[in-house]
């Protein structure tokens, strides 16, 4: 079984960013469907996506809902009022050192 942490850093401003979040969500779904230990983390500008993807009319809402249970958190420093669990283990950010120590591979989008 793989252990993977997928980190969304992309902002919501561009078509390229949309492509990055699609790839991140699809990767989470693939690992989830394969019964792997996968965590989805929103960091940097990424927490903005939570607000967008929660909208029922967003074209990625269904894919987001399929993997929402794998959200490990959003950067405490960056999240503001995004409405997801905050991950502020290291200076207000997720601890990537902790994830690596626990055997997770880290992929960023």
N, C-alpha and C. Protein backbone atom coordinates (compact mmCIF):
# COMPACT_ATOMS: atom_id res chain seq x y z
N UNK A 1 0.83 -1.17 0.00
CA UNK A 1 0.00 0.00 0.00
C UNK A 1 0.88 1.24 0.00
N UNK A 2 0.54 2.19 -0.87
CA UNK A 2 1.26 3.45 -0.94
C UNK A 2 0.76 4.41 0.13
N UNK A 3 1.65 5.30 0.56
CA UNK A 3 1.31 6.39 1.45
C UNK A 3 1.70 7.68 0.73
N UNK A 4 0.69 8.47 0.38
CA UNK A 4 0.93 9.65 -0.44
C UNK A 4 0.20 10.86 0.13
N UNK A 5 0.89 11.98 0.18
CA UNK A 5 0.28 13.26 0.53
C UNK A 5 0.31 14.12 -0.71
N UNK A 6 -0.86 14.52 -1.17
CA UNK A 6 -0.98 15.35 -2.36
C UNK A 6 -1.30 16.77 -1.91
N UNK A 7 -0.46 17.69 -2.32
CA UNK A 7 -0.55 19.07 -1.85
C UNK A 7 -0.95 19.98 -3.00
N UNK A 8 -2.04 20.71 -2.82
CA UNK A 8 -2.49 21.70 -3.81
C UNK A 8 -1.97 23.06 -3.38
N UNK A 9 -1.10 23.62 -4.20
CA UNK A 9 -0.53 24.95 -3.96
C UNK A 9 -1.11 25.98 -4.93
N UNK A 10 -1.78 25.52 -5.97
CA UNK A 10 -2.26 26.38 -7.05
C UNK A 10 -3.31 27.37 -6.57
N UNK A 11 -3.25 28.54 -7.14
CA UNK A 11 -4.25 29.57 -6.91
C UNK A 11 -5.47 29.27 -7.79
N UNK A 12 -6.51 30.04 -7.67
CA UNK A 12 -7.73 29.82 -8.44
C UNK A 12 -7.84 30.73 -9.65
N UNK A 13 -6.79 31.46 -9.96
CA UNK A 13 -6.88 32.55 -10.93
C UNK A 13 -6.74 32.19 -12.40
N UNK A 14 -6.15 31.05 -12.75
CA UNK A 14 -5.85 30.79 -14.15
C UNK A 14 -6.37 29.43 -14.61
N UNK A 15 -6.41 29.27 -15.92
CA UNK A 15 -6.78 27.99 -16.50
C UNK A 15 -5.74 26.92 -16.13
N UNK A 16 -4.48 27.32 -16.10
CA UNK A 16 -3.40 26.40 -15.70
C UNK A 16 -3.62 25.90 -14.28
N UNK A 17 -4.05 26.79 -13.39
CA UNK A 17 -4.32 26.41 -12.00
C UNK A 17 -5.47 25.43 -11.92
N UNK A 18 -6.48 25.62 -12.75
CA UNK A 18 -7.60 24.68 -12.81
C UNK A 18 -7.09 23.30 -13.22
N UNK A 19 -6.20 23.26 -14.19
CA UNK A 19 -5.61 21.99 -14.62
C UNK A 19 -4.83 21.32 -13.50
N UNK A 20 -4.14 22.11 -12.71
CA UNK A 20 -3.37 21.55 -11.59
C UNK A 20 -4.29 20.94 -10.54
N UNK A 21 -5.39 21.63 -10.22
CA UNK A 21 -6.29 21.08 -9.20
C UNK A 21 -7.03 19.86 -9.73
N UNK A 22 -7.36 19.83 -11.01
CA UNK A 22 -7.97 18.63 -11.61
C UNK A 22 -7.01 17.45 -11.46
N UNK A 23 -5.75 17.67 -11.81
CA UNK A 23 -4.76 16.59 -11.71
C UNK A 23 -4.58 16.14 -10.27
N UNK A 24 -4.59 17.06 -9.33
CA UNK A 24 -4.46 16.70 -7.91
C UNK A 24 -5.65 15.86 -7.46
N UNK A 25 -6.87 16.30 -7.78
CA UNK A 25 -8.06 15.56 -7.36
C UNK A 25 -8.13 14.19 -8.01
N UNK A 26 -7.76 14.11 -9.28
CA UNK A 26 -7.75 12.81 -9.98
C UNK A 26 -6.72 11.88 -9.35
N UNK A 27 -5.56 12.42 -8.98
CA UNK A 27 -4.54 11.59 -8.34
C UNK A 27 -5.04 11.07 -7.00
N UNK A 28 -5.69 11.93 -6.22
CA UNK A 28 -6.24 11.48 -4.93
C UNK A 28 -7.26 10.38 -5.17
N UNK A 29 -8.13 10.57 -6.15
CA UNK A 29 -9.15 9.56 -6.44
C UNK A 29 -8.53 8.24 -6.85
N UNK A 30 -7.49 8.29 -7.69
CA UNK A 30 -6.83 7.05 -8.12
C UNK A 30 -6.25 6.29 -6.94
N UNK A 31 -5.55 7.00 -6.06
CA UNK A 31 -4.99 6.34 -4.88
C UNK A 31 -6.09 5.84 -3.95
N UNK A 32 -7.13 6.64 -3.78
CA UNK A 32 -8.26 6.24 -2.92
C UNK A 32 -8.92 4.97 -3.48
N UNK A 33 -9.19 4.98 -4.78
CA UNK A 33 -9.82 3.82 -5.42
C UNK A 33 -8.94 2.58 -5.32
N UNK A 34 -7.63 2.79 -5.23
CA UNK A 34 -6.68 1.69 -5.08
C UNK A 34 -6.47 1.28 -3.63
N UNK A 35 -7.26 1.86 -2.74
CA UNK A 35 -7.20 1.56 -1.30
C UNK A 35 -5.85 1.91 -0.68
N UNK A 36 -5.23 2.96 -1.22
CA UNK A 36 -3.97 3.44 -0.66
C UNK A 36 -4.25 4.50 0.40
N UNK A 37 -3.25 4.77 1.21
CA UNK A 37 -3.33 5.81 2.25
C UNK A 37 -2.97 7.13 1.58
N UNK A 38 -3.97 7.92 1.24
CA UNK A 38 -3.74 9.18 0.54
C UNK A 38 -4.37 10.32 1.32
N UNK A 39 -3.62 11.41 1.41
CA UNK A 39 -4.09 12.61 2.09
C UNK A 39 -4.03 13.78 1.13
N UNK A 40 -5.03 14.63 1.20
CA UNK A 40 -5.10 15.83 0.37
C UNK A 40 -4.91 17.04 1.28
N UNK A 41 -3.95 17.88 0.94
CA UNK A 41 -3.63 19.06 1.73
C UNK A 41 -3.67 20.28 0.83
N UNK A 42 -4.27 21.35 1.32
CA UNK A 42 -4.30 22.62 0.60
C UNK A 42 -3.35 23.57 1.33
N UNK A 43 -2.35 24.09 0.62
CA UNK A 43 -1.35 24.97 1.21
C UNK A 43 -1.10 26.14 0.27
N UNK A 44 -0.41 27.14 0.73
CA UNK A 44 -0.14 28.31 -0.09
C UNK A 44 -1.45 28.97 -0.50
N UNK A 45 -1.66 29.18 -1.80
CA UNK A 45 -2.92 29.73 -2.31
C UNK A 45 -3.99 28.64 -2.43
N UNK A 46 -3.62 27.39 -2.27
CA UNK A 46 -4.52 26.26 -2.45
C UNK A 46 -5.82 26.28 -1.66
N UNK A 47 -5.83 26.78 -0.41
CA UNK A 47 -7.09 26.78 0.34
C UNK A 47 -8.24 27.53 -0.35
N UNK A 48 -7.92 28.44 -1.27
CA UNK A 48 -8.97 29.13 -2.03
C UNK A 48 -9.83 28.12 -2.80
N UNK A 49 -9.23 27.00 -3.19
CA UNK A 49 -9.96 26.00 -3.96
C UNK A 49 -11.09 25.38 -3.16
N UNK A 50 -10.92 25.25 -1.86
CA UNK A 50 -11.97 24.64 -1.04
C UNK A 50 -13.27 25.42 -1.18
N UNK A 51 -13.17 26.74 -1.11
CA UNK A 51 -14.35 27.59 -1.25
C UNK A 51 -14.99 27.39 -2.61
N UNK A 52 -14.17 27.36 -3.66
CA UNK A 52 -14.70 27.18 -5.02
C UNK A 52 -15.31 25.81 -5.24
N UNK A 53 -14.63 24.77 -4.79
CA UNK A 53 -15.07 23.40 -5.04
C UNK A 53 -16.29 23.01 -4.22
N UNK A 54 -16.55 23.72 -3.14
CA UNK A 54 -17.75 23.48 -2.33
C UNK A 54 -19.02 23.96 -3.04
N UNK A 55 -18.88 24.80 -4.04
CA UNK A 55 -20.04 25.33 -4.76
C UNK A 55 -20.64 24.21 -5.61
N UNK A 56 -21.94 23.90 -5.41
CA UNK A 56 -22.57 22.80 -6.14
C UNK A 56 -22.54 22.95 -7.66
N UNK A 57 -22.44 24.19 -8.16
CA UNK A 57 -22.44 24.39 -9.61
C UNK A 57 -21.03 24.39 -10.21
N UNK A 58 -20.00 24.21 -9.39
CA UNK A 58 -18.63 24.15 -9.94
C UNK A 58 -18.46 22.84 -10.69
N UNK A 59 -17.83 22.90 -11.86
CA UNK A 59 -17.72 21.69 -12.68
C UNK A 59 -16.89 20.58 -12.04
N UNK A 60 -16.10 20.88 -11.02
CA UNK A 60 -15.31 19.85 -10.33
C UNK A 60 -15.93 19.45 -8.99
N UNK A 61 -17.12 19.94 -8.70
CA UNK A 61 -17.75 19.66 -7.41
C UNK A 61 -17.93 18.15 -7.17
N UNK A 62 -18.34 17.41 -8.17
CA UNK A 62 -18.52 15.97 -8.01
C UNK A 62 -17.22 15.25 -7.71
N UNK A 63 -16.17 15.58 -8.44
CA UNK A 63 -14.86 14.98 -8.20
C UNK A 63 -14.35 15.36 -6.82
N UNK A 64 -14.52 16.61 -6.45
CA UNK A 64 -14.13 17.08 -5.12
C UNK A 64 -14.86 16.29 -4.04
N UNK A 65 -16.16 16.12 -4.20
CA UNK A 65 -16.93 15.36 -3.20
C UNK A 65 -16.47 13.91 -3.10
N UNK A 66 -16.01 13.35 -4.22
CA UNK A 66 -15.54 11.96 -4.22
C UNK A 66 -14.28 11.77 -3.39
N UNK A 67 -13.52 12.85 -3.18
CA UNK A 67 -12.26 12.73 -2.44
C UNK A 67 -12.22 13.61 -1.19
N UNK A 68 -13.30 14.28 -0.91
CA UNK A 68 -13.36 15.21 0.22
C UNK A 68 -12.99 14.54 1.54
N UNK A 69 -13.32 13.27 1.67
CA UNK A 69 -13.01 12.55 2.91
C UNK A 69 -11.52 12.33 3.10
N UNK A 70 -10.71 12.63 2.10
CA UNK A 70 -9.26 12.47 2.21
C UNK A 70 -8.55 13.78 2.51
N UNK A 71 -9.31 14.87 2.71
CA UNK A 71 -8.68 16.14 3.05
C UNK A 71 -8.10 16.05 4.45
N UNK A 72 -6.79 16.21 4.53
CA UNK A 72 -6.09 16.17 5.81
C UNK A 72 -6.02 17.55 6.43
N UNK A 73 -6.30 18.58 5.64
CA UNK A 73 -6.31 19.92 6.18
C UNK A 73 -5.84 20.96 5.20
N UNK A 74 -5.95 22.18 5.67
CA UNK A 74 -5.47 23.32 4.90
C UNK A 74 -4.52 24.08 5.81
N UNK A 75 -3.57 24.69 5.20
CA UNK A 75 -2.58 25.47 5.94
C UNK A 75 -3.27 26.48 6.85
N UNK A 76 -2.99 26.41 8.12
CA UNK A 76 -3.59 27.31 9.11
C UNK A 76 -3.28 28.77 8.77
N UNK A 77 -2.08 29.00 8.34
CA UNK A 77 -1.63 30.35 8.02
C UNK A 77 -2.38 30.90 6.81
N UNK A 78 -2.69 30.04 5.84
CA UNK A 78 -3.27 30.46 4.57
C UNK A 78 -4.78 30.29 4.49
N UNK A 79 -5.36 29.46 5.32
CA UNK A 79 -6.75 29.05 5.16
C UNK A 79 -7.77 30.14 5.43
N UNK A 80 -7.53 30.97 6.42
CA UNK A 80 -8.54 31.96 6.75
C UNK A 80 -9.83 31.27 7.14
N UNK A 81 -10.89 31.57 6.43
CA UNK A 81 -12.22 31.02 6.75
C UNK A 81 -12.68 30.03 5.71
N UNK A 82 -11.84 29.10 5.31
CA UNK A 82 -12.20 28.15 4.25
C UNK A 82 -13.14 27.04 4.72
N UNK A 83 -13.26 26.83 6.02
CA UNK A 83 -14.19 25.84 6.50
C UNK A 83 -13.68 24.41 6.49
N UNK A 84 -12.38 24.21 6.41
CA UNK A 84 -11.82 22.86 6.51
C UNK A 84 -10.89 22.80 7.71
N UNK A 85 -10.59 21.59 8.10
CA UNK A 85 -9.66 21.37 9.21
C UNK A 85 -8.34 22.07 8.91
N UNK A 86 -7.82 22.77 9.90
CA UNK A 86 -6.57 23.47 9.71
C UNK A 86 -5.40 22.57 10.08
N UNK A 87 -4.34 22.71 9.34
CA UNK A 87 -3.13 21.93 9.60
C UNK A 87 -1.99 22.91 9.86
N UNK A 88 -1.71 23.18 11.11
CA UNK A 88 -0.68 24.16 11.44
C UNK A 88 0.39 23.58 12.34
N UNK A 89 0.89 22.41 11.98
CA UNK A 89 1.84 21.70 12.85
C UNK A 89 3.23 22.36 12.89
N UNK A 90 3.60 23.10 11.84
CA UNK A 90 4.91 23.73 11.83
C UNK A 90 4.77 25.18 11.40
N UNK A 91 4.84 26.07 12.37
CA UNK A 91 4.77 27.51 12.10
C UNK A 91 3.56 27.89 11.26
N UNK A 92 2.42 27.29 11.57
CA UNK A 92 1.18 27.61 10.87
C UNK A 92 0.97 26.87 9.57
N UNK A 93 1.85 25.93 9.25
CA UNK A 93 1.76 25.17 7.99
C UNK A 93 1.74 23.68 8.29
N UNK A 94 1.31 22.87 7.32
CA UNK A 94 1.42 21.42 7.52
C UNK A 94 2.89 21.03 7.68
N UNK A 95 3.15 20.01 8.47
CA UNK A 95 4.53 19.55 8.65
C UNK A 95 4.86 18.48 7.61
N UNK A 96 5.62 18.88 6.61
CA UNK A 96 6.04 17.92 5.59
C UNK A 96 7.11 16.99 6.15
N UNK A 97 7.89 17.46 7.09
CA UNK A 97 8.87 16.59 7.73
C UNK A 97 8.17 15.44 8.44
N UNK A 98 7.08 15.75 9.13
CA UNK A 98 6.31 14.72 9.83
C UNK A 98 5.75 13.71 8.83
N UNK A 99 5.21 14.19 7.72
CA UNK A 99 4.67 13.27 6.71
C UNK A 99 5.76 12.36 6.14
N UNK A 100 6.92 12.93 5.84
CA UNK A 100 8.02 12.12 5.31
C UNK A 100 8.47 11.10 6.35
N UNK A 101 8.55 11.52 7.61
CA UNK A 101 8.95 10.60 8.68
C UNK A 101 7.95 9.45 8.83
N UNK A 102 6.69 9.72 8.51
CA UNK A 102 5.66 8.69 8.58
C UNK A 102 5.60 7.83 7.31
N UNK A 103 6.51 8.10 6.37
CA UNK A 103 6.59 7.27 5.17
C UNK A 103 5.78 7.76 3.98
N UNK A 104 5.26 8.99 4.03
CA UNK A 104 4.48 9.52 2.92
C UNK A 104 5.38 10.07 1.82
N UNK A 105 5.00 9.78 0.59
CA UNK A 105 5.59 10.46 -0.56
C UNK A 105 4.77 11.73 -0.74
N UNK A 106 5.42 12.81 -1.13
CA UNK A 106 4.70 14.09 -1.28
C UNK A 106 4.70 14.49 -2.74
N UNK A 107 3.49 14.77 -3.23
CA UNK A 107 3.31 15.24 -4.60
C UNK A 107 2.68 16.64 -4.52
N UNK A 108 3.19 17.57 -5.31
CA UNK A 108 2.63 18.93 -5.27
C UNK A 108 2.02 19.30 -6.62
N UNK A 109 0.94 20.05 -6.54
CA UNK A 109 0.25 20.53 -7.73
C UNK A 109 -0.04 22.01 -7.57
